[in-house]
């Protein structure tokens, strides 16, 4: 078996499976219940004003 065929077979099976597992893990990490406060804080960033006058 030449190198190209081996790498192609590897990418089509195991690497695809590992990337799918990484995606599922990243989605689970983002949507975990403990991240709610961090996401709420990030959602309020555009509405924060550092200067009390409201001038840019």
PDB file of N, CA and C in Angstrom:
ATOM      1  N   UNK A   1       0.857  -1.169   0.000  1.00  0.00           N
ATOM      2  CA  UNK A   1       0.000   0.000   0.000  1.00  0.00           C
ATOM      3  C   UNK A   1       0.907   1.237   0.000  1.00  0.00           C
ATOM      4  N   UNK A   2       0.659   2.134  -0.912  1.00  0.00           N
ATOM      5  CA  UNK A   2       1.486   3.340  -0.962  1.00  0.00           C
ATOM      6  C   UNK A   2       1.030   4.349   0.097  1.00  0.00           C
ATOM      7  N   UNK A   3       1.843   5.350   0.290  1.00  0.00           N
ATOM      8  CA  UNK A   3       1.608   6.323   1.362  1.00  0.00           C
ATOM      9  C   UNK A   3       0.313   7.087   1.155  1.00  0.00           C
ATOM     10  N   UNK A   4       0.032   7.508  -0.061  1.00  0.00           N
ATOM     11  CA  UNK A   4      -1.181   8.268  -0.332  1.00  0.00           C
ATOM     12  C   UNK A   4      -2.431   7.476   0.028  1.00  0.00           C
ATOM     13  N   UNK A   5      -2.490   6.228  -0.379  1.00  0.00           N
ATOM     14  CA  UNK A   5      -3.664   5.397  -0.095  1.00  0.00           C
ATOM     15  C   UNK A   5      -3.842   5.202   1.402  1.00  0.00           C
ATOM     16  N   UNK A   6      -2.735   4.986   2.103  1.00  0.00           N
ATOM     17  CA  UNK A   6      -2.814   4.811   3.551  1.00  0.00           C
ATOM     18  C   UNK A   6      -3.329   6.070   4.235  1.00  0.00           C
ATOM     19  N   UNK A   7      -2.781   7.222   3.864  1.00  0.00           N
ATOM     20  CA  UNK A   7      -3.226   8.471   4.483  1.00  0.00           C
ATOM     21  C   UNK A   7      -4.659   8.808   4.106  1.00  0.00           C
ATOM     22  N   UNK A   8      -5.057   8.493   2.894  1.00  0.00           N
ATOM     23  CA  UNK A   8      -6.432   8.739   2.465  1.00  0.00           C
ATOM     24  C   UNK A   8      -7.409   7.880   3.262  1.00  0.00           C
ATOM     25  N   UNK A   9      -7.075   6.626   3.463  1.00  0.00           N
ATOM     26  CA  UNK A   9      -7.925   5.728   4.243  1.00  0.00           C
ATOM     27  C   UNK A   9      -7.989   6.170   5.701  1.00  0.00           C
ATOM     28  N   UNK A  10      -6.856   6.589   6.234  1.00  0.00           N
ATOM     29  CA  UNK A  10      -6.805   7.080   7.615  1.00  0.00           C
ATOM     30  C   UNK A  10      -7.668   8.322   7.778  1.00  0.00           C
ATOM     31  N   UNK A  11      -7.572   9.259   6.844  1.00  0.00           N
ATOM     32  CA  UNK A  11      -8.340  10.497   6.929  1.00  0.00           C
ATOM     33  C   UNK A  11      -9.830  10.235   6.759  1.00  0.00           C
ATOM     34  N   UNK A  12     -10.182   9.288   5.927  1.00  0.00           N
ATOM     35  CA  UNK A  12     -11.594   8.989   5.691  1.00  0.00           C
ATOM     36  C   UNK A  12     -12.256   8.309   6.875  1.00  0.00           C
ATOM     37  N   UNK A  13     -11.482   7.697   7.751  1.00  0.00           N
ATOM     38  CA  UNK A  13     -12.106   6.948   8.836  1.00  0.00           C
ATOM     39  C   UNK A  13     -11.767   7.534  10.207  1.00  0.00           C
ATOM     40  N   UNK A  14     -10.567   7.354  10.668  1.00  0.00           N
ATOM     41  CA  UNK A  14     -10.230   7.702  12.045  1.00  0.00           C
ATOM     42  C   UNK A  14     -10.131   9.202  12.289  1.00  0.00           C
ATOM     43  N   UNK A  15      -9.557   9.918  11.351  1.00  0.00           N
ATOM     44  CA  UNK A  15      -9.433  11.367  11.536  1.00  0.00           C
ATOM     45  C   UNK A  15     -10.812  12.013  11.506  1.00  0.00           C
ATOM     46  N   UNK A  16     -11.676  11.534  10.627  1.00  0.00           N
ATOM     47  CA  UNK A  16     -13.046  12.041  10.592  1.00  0.00           C
ATOM     48  C   UNK A  16     -13.753  11.766  11.911  1.00  0.00           C
ATOM     49  N   UNK A  17     -13.571  10.594  12.462  1.00  0.00           N
ATOM     50  CA  UNK A  17     -14.174  10.251  13.743  1.00  0.00           C
ATOM     51  C   UNK A  17     -13.628  11.135  14.867  1.00  0.00           C
ATOM     52  N   UNK A  18     -12.323  11.394  14.861  1.00  0.00           N
ATOM     53  CA  UNK A  18     -11.732  12.242  15.901  1.00  0.00           C
ATOM     54  C   UNK A  18     -12.216  13.688  15.769  1.00  0.00           C
ATOM     55  N   UNK A  19     -12.337  14.207  14.552  1.00  0.00           N
ATOM     56  CA  UNK A  19     -12.836  15.569  14.370  1.00  0.00           C
ATOM     57  C   UNK A  19     -14.299  15.690  14.795  1.00  0.00           C
ATOM     58  N   UNK A  20     -15.089  14.669  14.523  1.00  0.00           N
ATOM     59  CA  UNK A  20     -16.477  14.674  14.972  1.00  0.00           C
ATOM     60  C   UNK A  20     -16.554  14.660  16.497  1.00  0.00           C
ATOM     61  N   UNK A  21     -15.717  13.856  17.140  1.00  0.00           N
ATOM     62  CA  UNK A  21     -15.690  13.818  18.607  1.00  0.00           C
ATOM     63  C   UNK A  21     -15.240  15.160  19.173  1.00  0.00           C
ATOM     64  N   UNK A  22     -14.275  15.810  18.525  1.00  0.00           N
ATOM     65  CA  UNK A  22     -13.839  17.134  18.965  1.00  0.00           C
ATOM     66  C   UNK A  22     -14.978  18.137  18.847  1.00  0.00           C
ATOM     67  N   UNK A  23     -15.737  18.097  17.748  1.00  0.00           N
ATOM     68  CA  UNK A  23     -16.861  18.999  17.557  1.00  0.00           C
ATOM     69  C   UNK A  23     -17.923  18.793  18.623  1.00  0.00           C
ATOM     70  N   UNK A  24     -18.265  17.553  18.906  1.00  0.00           N
ATOM     71  CA  UNK A  24     -19.269  17.259  19.925  1.00  0.00           C
ATOM     72  C   UNK A  24     -18.779  17.731  21.294  1.00  0.00           C
ATOM     73  N   UNK A  25     -17.498  17.517  21.595  1.00  0.00           N
ATOM     74  CA  UNK A  25     -16.934  17.977  22.862  1.00  0.00           C
ATOM     75  C   UNK A  25     -16.941  19.496  22.975  1.00  0.00           C
ATOM     76  N   UNK A  26     -16.601  20.199  21.895  1.00  0.00           N
ATOM     77  CA  UNK A  26     -16.610  21.668  21.918  1.00  0.00           C
ATOM     78  C   UNK A  26     -18.026  22.207  22.088  1.00  0.00           C
ATOM     79  N   UNK A  27     -18.987  21.582  21.429  1.00  0.00           N
ATOM     80  CA  UNK A  27     -20.381  22.015  21.580  1.00  0.00           C
ATOM     81  C   UNK A  27     -20.877  21.745  22.997  1.00  0.00           C
ATOM     82  N   UNK A  28     -20.532  20.610  23.553  1.00  0.00           N
ATOM     83  CA  UNK A  28     -20.934  20.303  24.935  1.00  0.00           C
ATOM     84  C   UNK A  28     -20.287  21.281  25.906  1.00  0.00           C
ATOM     85  N   UNK A  29     -19.037  21.654  25.658  1.00  0.00           N
ATOM     86  CA  UNK A  29     -18.345  22.616  26.524  1.00  0.00           C
ATOM     87  C   UNK A  29     -19.013  23.992  26.446  1.00  0.00           C
ATOM     88  N   UNK A  30     -19.414  24.410  25.267  1.00  0.00           N
ATOM     89  CA  UNK A  30     -20.024  25.727  25.096  1.00  0.00           C
ATOM     90  C   UNK A  30     -21.421  25.793  25.703  1.00  0.00           C
ATOM     91  N   UNK A  31     -22.164  24.702  25.649  1.00  0.00           N
ATOM     92  CA  UNK A  31     -23.542  24.705  26.122  1.00  0.00           C
ATOM     93  C   UNK A  31     -23.715  24.091  27.504  1.00  0.00           C
ATOM     94  N   UNK A  32     -22.620  23.903  28.231  1.00  0.00           N
ATOM     95  CA  UNK A  32     -22.741  23.341  29.576  1.00  0.00           C
ATOM     96  C   UNK A  32     -23.424  24.351  30.494  1.00  0.00           C
ATOM     97  N   UNK A  33     -24.130  23.894  31.531  1.00  0.00           N
ATOM     98  CA  UNK A  33     -24.855  24.809  32.414  1.00  0.00           C
ATOM     99  C   UNK A  33     -23.949  25.803  33.147  1.00  0.00           C
ATOM    100  N   UNK A  34     -22.726  25.444  33.446  1.00  0.00           N
ATOM    101  CA  UNK A  34     -21.836  26.336  34.179  1.00  0.00           C
ATOM    102  C   UNK A  34     -21.336  27.520  33.372  1.00  0.00           C
ATOM    103  N   UNK A  35     -21.529  27.515  32.054  1.00  0.00           N
ATOM    104  CA  UNK A  35     -21.036  28.595  31.208  1.00  0.00           C
ATOM    105  C   UNK A  35     -22.065  29.709  31.028  1.00  0.00           C
ATOM    106  N   UNK A  36     -23.219  29.595  31.639  1.00  0.00           N
ATOM    107  CA  UNK A  36     -24.281  30.574  31.448  1.00  0.00           C
ATOM    108  C   UNK A  36     -23.854  31.972  31.859  1.00  0.00           C
ATOM    109  N   UNK A  37     -23.186  32.098  32.984  1.00  0.00           N
ATOM    110  CA  UNK A  37     -22.751  33.412  33.449  1.00  0.00           C
ATOM    111  C   UNK A  37     -21.754  34.049  32.495  1.00  0.00           C
ATOM    112  N   UNK A  38     -20.840  33.262  31.989  1.00  0.00           N
ATOM    113  CA  UNK A  38     -19.843  33.777  31.057  1.00  0.00           C
ATOM    114  C   UNK A  38     -20.509  34.251  29.755  1.00  0.00           C
ATOM    115  N   UNK A  39     -21.494  33.498  29.261  1.00  0.00           N
ATOM    116  CA  UNK A  39     -22.185  33.890  28.040  1.00  0.00           C
ATOM    117  C   UNK A  39     -23.059  35.122  28.271  1.00  0.00           C
ATOM    118  N   UNK A  40     -23.697  35.230  29.434  1.00  0.00           N
ATOM    119  CA  UNK A  40     -24.496  36.409  29.740  1.00  0.00           C
ATOM    120  C   UNK A  40     -23.620  37.658  29.827  1.00  0.00           C
ATOM    121  N   UNK A  41     -22.450  37.518  30.437  1.00  0.00           N
ATOM    122  CA  UNK A  41     -21.528  38.648  30.532  1.00  0.00           C
ATOM    123  C   UNK A  41     -21.037  39.063  29.141  1.00  0.00           C
ATOM    124  N   UNK A  42     -20.723  38.109  28.301  1.00  0.00           N
ATOM    125  CA  UNK A  42     -20.263  38.418  26.940  1.00  0.00           C
ATOM    126  C   UNK A  42     -21.378  39.073  26.125  1.00  0.00           C
ATOM    127  N   UNK A  43     -22.617  38.707  26.389  1.00  0.00           N
ATOM    128  CA  UNK A  43     -23.741  39.295  25.661  1.00  0.00           C
ATOM    129  C   UNK A  43     -23.965  40.750  26.059  1.00  0.00           C
ATOM    130  N   UNK A  44     -23.562  41.140  27.270  1.00  0.00           N
ATOM    131  CA  UNK A  44     -23.749  42.519  27.728  1.00  0.00           C
ATOM    132  C   UNK A  44     -22.597  43.448  27.354  1.00  0.00           C
ATOM    133  N   UNK A  45     -21.539  42.938  26.762  1.00  0.00           N
ATOM    134  CA  UNK A  45     -20.365  43.763  26.428  1.00  0.00           C
ATOM    135  C   UNK A  45     -20.719  44.961  25.549  1.00  0.00           C
ATOM    136  N   UNK A  46     -21.527  44.839  24.496  1.00  0.00           N
ATOM    137  CA  UNK A  46     -21.813  46.016  23.654  1.00  0.00           C
ATOM    138  C   UNK A  46     -22.568  47.126  24.386  1.00  0.00           C
ATOM    139  N   UNK A  47     -23.221  46.807  25.481  1.00  0.00           N
ATOM    140  CA  UNK A  47     -24.023  47.791  26.187  1.00  0.00           C
ATOM    141  C   UNK A  47     -23.285  48.465  27.337  1.00  0.00           C
ATOM    142  N   UNK A  48     -22.036  48.079  27.570  1.00  0.00           N
ATOM    143  CA  UNK A  48     -21.235  48.704  28.617  1.00  0.00           C
ATOM    144  C   UNK A  48     -20.676  50.027  28.122  1.00  0.00           C
ATOM    145  N   UNK A  49     -20.651  51.000  29.012  1.00  0.00           N
ATOM    146  CA  UNK A  49     -20.055  52.289  28.698  1.00  0.00           C
ATOM    147  C   UNK A  49     -19.050  52.613  29.770  1.00  0.00           C
ATOM    148  N   UNK A  50     -17.814  52.916  29.353  1.00  0.00           N
ATOM    149  CA  UNK A  50     -16.778  53.259  30.313  1.00  0.00           C
ATOM    150  C   UNK A  50     -16.847  54.713  30.742  1.00  0.00           C
ATOM    151  N   UNK A  51     -17.258  55.605  29.846  1.00  0.00           N
ATOM    152  CA  UNK A  51     -17.317  57.009  30.187  1.00  0.00           C
ATOM    153  C   UNK A  51     -18.750  57.382  30.583  1.00  0.00           C
ATOM    154  N   UNK A  52     -18.896  58.104  31.690  1.00  0.00           N
ATOM    155  CA  UNK A  52     -20.236  58.417  32.191  1.00  0.00           C
ATOM    156  C   UNK A  52     -21.003  59.405  31.299  1.00  0.00           C
ATOM    157  N   UNK A  53     -20.320  60.181  30.459  1.00  0.00           N
ATOM    158  CA  UNK A  53     -21.003  61.157  29.607  1.00  0.00           C
ATOM    159  C   UNK A  53     -21.669  60.508  28.398  1.00  0.00           C
ATOM    160  N   UNK A  54     -21.235  59.325  28.056  1.00  0.00           N
ATOM    161  CA  UNK A  54     -21.774  58.644  26.886  1.00  0.00           C
ATOM    162  C   UNK A  54     -21.089  59.086  25.606  1.00  0.00           C
ATOM    163  N   UNK A  55     -19.990  59.830  25.714  1.00  0.00           N
ATOM    164  CA  UNK A  55     -19.267  60.273  24.536  1.00  0.00           C
ATOM    165  C   UNK A  55     -18.233  59.232  24.135  1.00  0.00           C
ATOM    166  N   UNK A  56     -17.968  59.158  22.885  1.00  0.00           N
ATOM    167  CA  UNK A  56     -16.985  58.176  22.404  1.00  0.00           C
ATOM    168  C   UNK A  56     -15.575  58.665  22.539  1.00  0.00           C
TER     169      UNK A  56
END
